[in-house]
Amino acid sequence: MEKLDIIDRSGQAAAQVDLPESIFSQAANDHLIYEAVINYRANQRQGTAATKTRAFVRGGGKKPWRQKGTGRARVGSTRSPLWRKGGTVFGPQPRDYSYELPKKAKRSALRAALAGKHASGELVVVSEFEVKEPKTREAVALLKAFKLDSALLVDLHDNANLFLAVRNLPRVKAVDVSGLNIYDVLAYKRLAFSRRAFEAVLEKLK
């Protein structure tokens, strides 16, 4: 079974962790990854875009001129879609864009993404993300120690200082292991786990 070094803050290998073949020997499935990303983005959409049809435009209740005898076209309302200030035809209306992807497909896509990160040398496991204070400078020092620039940091929710410290860094994001998703995995160059978070993910994806 392949192994991966666990890096401490000095940049040295402090231990090793086993990489299960069921996850890291999986063949790349680009289409499944694509489907999972589209699903994630669709589920994030608010779906609040709306336009006014002629039923919702204010005014237009009075017929502008009589039906016959004027030489002009027959008109019943000044809020017809043909008129300026009229209603919109086939414009967007509030809707729910979300849809379900099978859980097995989601897990398989995440496995493929993790395997791809490992194959390209962009997967890092560290002993722990120790941040003494929820300060940006603390996060900068931590990232410098692990030589991370654009990175997704994954840890457990009880490490509150980490999540607060990285909020102002433009190319870094920290997520709880339960909120790990394929979109974030692919959006950042490096993927860095704390040891306990990595073990939790491996258990979840088995």
Protein backbone atom coordinates (compact mmCIF):
# COMPACT_ATOMS: atom_id res chain seq x y z
CA MET A 1 0.00 0.00 0.00
CA GLU A 2 1.30 3.44 -0.95
CA LYS A 3 2.19 5.83 1.87
CA LEU A 4 2.20 9.61 2.20
CA ASP A 5 4.41 11.66 4.52
CA ILE A 6 2.82 13.72 7.27
CA ILE A 7 4.66 17.04 7.42
CA ASP A 8 5.29 18.95 10.64
CA ARG A 9 5.72 22.71 10.91
CA SER A 10 9.45 22.49 10.27
CA GLY A 11 8.79 20.89 6.88
CA GLN A 12 10.09 17.48 7.92
CA ALA A 13 8.26 14.16 7.66
CA ALA A 14 6.96 13.40 11.16
CA ALA A 15 5.08 10.20 10.25
CA GLN A 16 3.38 8.41 7.38
CA VAL A 17 -0.21 7.58 6.53
CA ASP A 18 -1.50 4.74 4.35
CA LEU A 19 -3.30 5.65 1.13
CA PRO A 20 -6.10 3.10 0.48
CA GLU A 21 -6.03 1.62 -2.99
CA SER A 22 -9.81 1.89 -3.17
CA ILE A 23 -9.40 5.68 -3.29
CA PHE A 24 -5.98 6.52 -4.69
CA SER A 25 -5.68 3.84 -7.35
CA GLN A 26 -8.99 4.82 -8.91
CA ALA A 27 -8.91 5.62 -12.63
CA ALA A 28 -9.66 9.21 -13.57
CA ASN A 29 -13.28 9.85 -14.48
CA ASP A 30 -13.41 13.34 -15.93
CA HIS A 31 -17.07 13.17 -16.88
CA LEU A 32 -18.15 12.15 -13.38
CA ILE A 33 -16.09 14.99 -11.90
CA TYR A 34 -17.73 17.37 -14.39
CA GLU A 35 -21.21 16.17 -13.40
CA ALA A 36 -20.42 16.60 -9.69
CA VAL A 37 -19.13 20.15 -10.21
CA ILE A 38 -22.20 21.13 -12.26
CA ASN A 39 -24.42 19.66 -9.55
CA TYR A 40 -22.61 21.58 -6.80
CA ARG A 41 -22.85 24.88 -8.66
CA ALA A 42 -26.51 24.36 -9.50
CA ASN A 43 -27.30 23.68 -5.85
CA GLN A 44 -25.59 26.96 -4.86
CA ARG A 45 -27.78 29.09 -7.13
CA GLN A 46 -30.28 31.30 -5.33
CA GLY A 47 -32.76 31.30 -8.19
CA THR A 48 -34.15 34.71 -7.26
CA ALA A 49 -33.87 36.42 -10.68
CA ALA A 50 -37.26 37.78 -11.71
CA THR A 51 -38.83 40.01 -14.37
CA LYS A 52 -42.31 41.54 -14.46
CA THR A 53 -44.83 40.13 -16.88
CA ARG A 54 -47.68 42.34 -18.05
CA ALA A 55 -49.67 41.08 -15.06
CA PHE A 56 -47.20 42.68 -12.65
CA VAL A 57 -46.39 45.99 -14.40
CA ARG A 58 -48.10 48.95 -12.78
CA GLY A 59 -50.69 50.75 -14.91
CA GLY A 60 -52.23 49.85 -18.26
CA GLY A 61 -55.73 49.27 -16.92
CA LYS A 62 -57.41 51.75 -19.24
CA LYS A 63 -57.78 51.14 -22.95
CA PRO A 64 -55.69 53.94 -24.54
CA TRP A 65 -58.13 54.67 -27.40
CA ARG A 66 -61.31 53.24 -28.78
CA GLN A 67 -61.31 50.04 -30.76
CA LYS A 68 -62.32 51.45 -34.14
CA GLY A 69 -62.23 54.66 -36.06
CA THR A 70 -58.83 56.08 -35.19
CA GLY A 71 -56.80 54.37 -37.93
CA ARG A 72 -54.41 52.98 -35.37
CA ALA A 73 -53.87 49.41 -34.29
CA ARG A 74 -56.19 47.75 -31.78
CA VAL A 75 -54.71 48.16 -28.28
CA GLY A 76 -56.16 47.06 -24.96
CA SER A 77 -53.33 48.08 -22.62
CA THR A 78 -50.23 50.29 -22.63
CA ARG A 79 -48.40 47.56 -20.73
CA SER A 80 -48.36 45.11 -23.62
CA PRO A 81 -44.92 43.52 -24.19
CA LEU A 82 -44.81 45.38 -27.52
CA TRP A 83 -44.86 48.74 -25.79
CA ARG A 84 -42.17 50.67 -24.00
CA LYS A 85 -42.60 50.17 -20.23
CA GLY A 86 -44.59 47.07 -20.99
CA GLY A 87 -44.24 43.63 -19.47
CA THR A 88 -41.46 41.16 -20.27
CA VAL A 89 -42.11 37.99 -22.24
CA PHE A 90 -40.42 34.73 -21.15
CA GLY A 91 -38.15 36.50 -18.67
CA PRO A 92 -36.64 34.66 -15.70
CA GLN A 93 -38.89 33.82 -12.76
CA PRO A 94 -37.89 32.59 -9.29
CA ARG A 95 -37.12 28.88 -9.43
CA ASP A 96 -35.17 26.15 -7.70
CA TYR A 97 -32.13 25.03 -9.72
CA SER A 98 -31.01 22.34 -7.29
CA TYR A 99 -31.15 18.64 -8.09
CA GLU A 100 -29.89 15.46 -6.49
CA LEU A 101 -26.87 13.50 -7.64
CA PRO A 102 -26.61 9.91 -6.33
CA LYS A 103 -24.51 9.70 -3.17
CA LYS A 104 -22.33 6.98 -4.69
CA ALA A 105 -21.61 9.23 -7.68
CA LYS A 106 -20.65 12.14 -5.39
CA ARG A 107 -18.30 9.98 -3.35
CA SER A 108 -16.75 8.46 -6.46
CA ALA A 109 -16.17 11.92 -7.96
CA LEU A 110 -14.52 13.12 -4.74
CA ARG A 111 -12.30 10.01 -4.70
CA ALA A 112 -11.24 10.73 -8.28
CA ALA A 113 -10.47 14.37 -7.43
CA LEU A 114 -8.36 13.37 -4.42
CA ALA A 115 -6.51 10.78 -6.49
CA GLY A 116 -5.82 13.43 -9.12
CA LYS A 117 -4.45 15.85 -6.53
CA HIS A 118 -2.16 13.15 -5.16
CA ALA A 119 -0.97 12.13 -8.61
CA SER A 120 -0.02 15.73 -9.41
CA GLY A 121 1.80 16.19 -6.08
CA GLU A 122 -0.73 18.75 -4.80
CA LEU A 123 -2.02 16.75 -1.82
CA VAL A 124 -0.44 17.61 1.54
CA VAL A 125 -1.09 16.13 4.98
CA VAL A 126 0.25 18.04 7.97
CA SER A 127 0.45 17.03 11.60
CA GLU A 128 -1.85 19.87 12.68
CA PHE A 129 -2.91 23.41 11.81
CA GLU A 130 -1.89 25.14 15.02
CA VAL A 131 -3.02 28.76 15.17
CA LYS A 132 -2.63 30.38 18.58
CA GLU A 133 -4.79 33.43 17.84
CA PRO A 134 -7.46 34.14 15.20
CA LYS A 135 -5.15 36.62 13.47
CA THR A 136 -4.30 36.88 9.78
CA ARG A 137 -0.59 37.14 10.56
CA GLU A 138 -0.81 33.80 12.36
CA ALA A 139 -2.34 32.22 9.26
CA VAL A 140 0.34 33.77 7.03
CA ALA A 141 3.08 32.32 9.24
CA LEU A 142 1.40 28.91 9.17
CA LEU A 143 1.13 28.89 5.37
CA LYS A 144 4.72 30.03 5.01
CA ALA A 145 5.89 27.19 7.25
CA PHE A 146 4.11 24.61 5.09
CA LYS A 147 4.99 26.42 1.82
CA LEU A 148 1.40 26.87 0.75
CA ASP A 149 0.12 29.74 -1.37
CA SER A 150 -3.17 28.88 -3.10
CA ALA A 151 -4.59 26.19 -0.85
CA LEU A 152 -7.70 24.61 0.57
CA LEU A 153 -7.15 23.79 4.24
CA VAL A 154 -9.27 21.00 5.74
CA ASP A 155 -9.58 20.47 9.48
CA LEU A 156 -12.21 19.68 12.11
CA HIS A 157 -14.66 22.35 13.24
CA ASP A 158 -13.15 22.70 16.71
CA ASN A 159 -10.10 24.49 15.27
CA ALA A 160 -12.00 27.79 15.25
CA ASN A 161 -8.85 29.95 15.19
CA LEU A 162 -7.84 28.53 11.82
CA PHE A 163 -11.17 29.32 10.15
CA LEU A 164 -11.11 32.89 11.52
CA ALA A 165 -7.45 33.53 10.71
CA VAL A 166 -7.62 32.71 6.99
CA ARG A 167 -10.79 34.64 6.17
CA ASN A 168 -8.94 37.67 4.80
CA LEU A 169 -6.46 35.73 2.68
CA PRO A 170 -7.49 35.89 -1.01
CA ARG A 171 -6.16 32.54 -2.25
CA VAL A 172 -6.78 30.42 0.82
CA LYS A 173 -9.90 28.83 2.23
CA ALA A 174 -10.41 26.67 5.31
CA VAL A 175 -13.31 24.22 5.53
CA ASP A 176 -14.54 21.73 8.05
CA VAL A 177 -14.06 18.14 6.96
CA SER A 178 -17.84 17.65 6.83
CA GLY A 179 -18.10 20.52 4.32
CA LEU A 180 -15.44 19.24 1.93
CA ASN A 181 -16.75 19.36 -1.63
CA ILE A 182 -15.37 18.67 -5.08
CA TYR A 183 -15.70 22.27 -6.27
CA ASP A 184 -13.37 23.62 -3.57
CA VAL A 185 -10.95 20.72 -4.08
CA LEU A 186 -10.53 21.69 -7.73
CA ALA A 187 -10.66 25.46 -7.23
CA TYR A 188 -7.40 25.67 -5.26
CA LYS A 189 -3.95 24.60 -6.37
CA ARG A 190 -2.99 22.71 -3.19
CA LEU A 191 -5.12 20.57 -0.94
CA ALA A 192 -3.88 20.41 2.66
CA PHE A 193 -5.38 18.20 5.38
CA SER A 194 -4.61 18.00 9.04
CA ARG A 195 -3.84 14.43 10.03
CA ARG A 196 -7.12 13.93 11.88
CA ALA A 197 -9.15 15.46 9.04
CA PHE A 198 -7.44 13.23 6.48
CA GLU A 199 -8.18 10.12 8.53
CA ALA A 200 -11.82 11.22 8.81
CA VAL A 201 -12.08 11.69 5.03
CA LEU A 202 -10.54 8.30 4.33
CA GLU A 203 -13.05 6.70 6.68
CA LYS A 204 -15.90 8.52 4.98
CA LEU A 205 -14.85 7.56 1.43
CA LYS A 206 -14.15 3.89 2.04
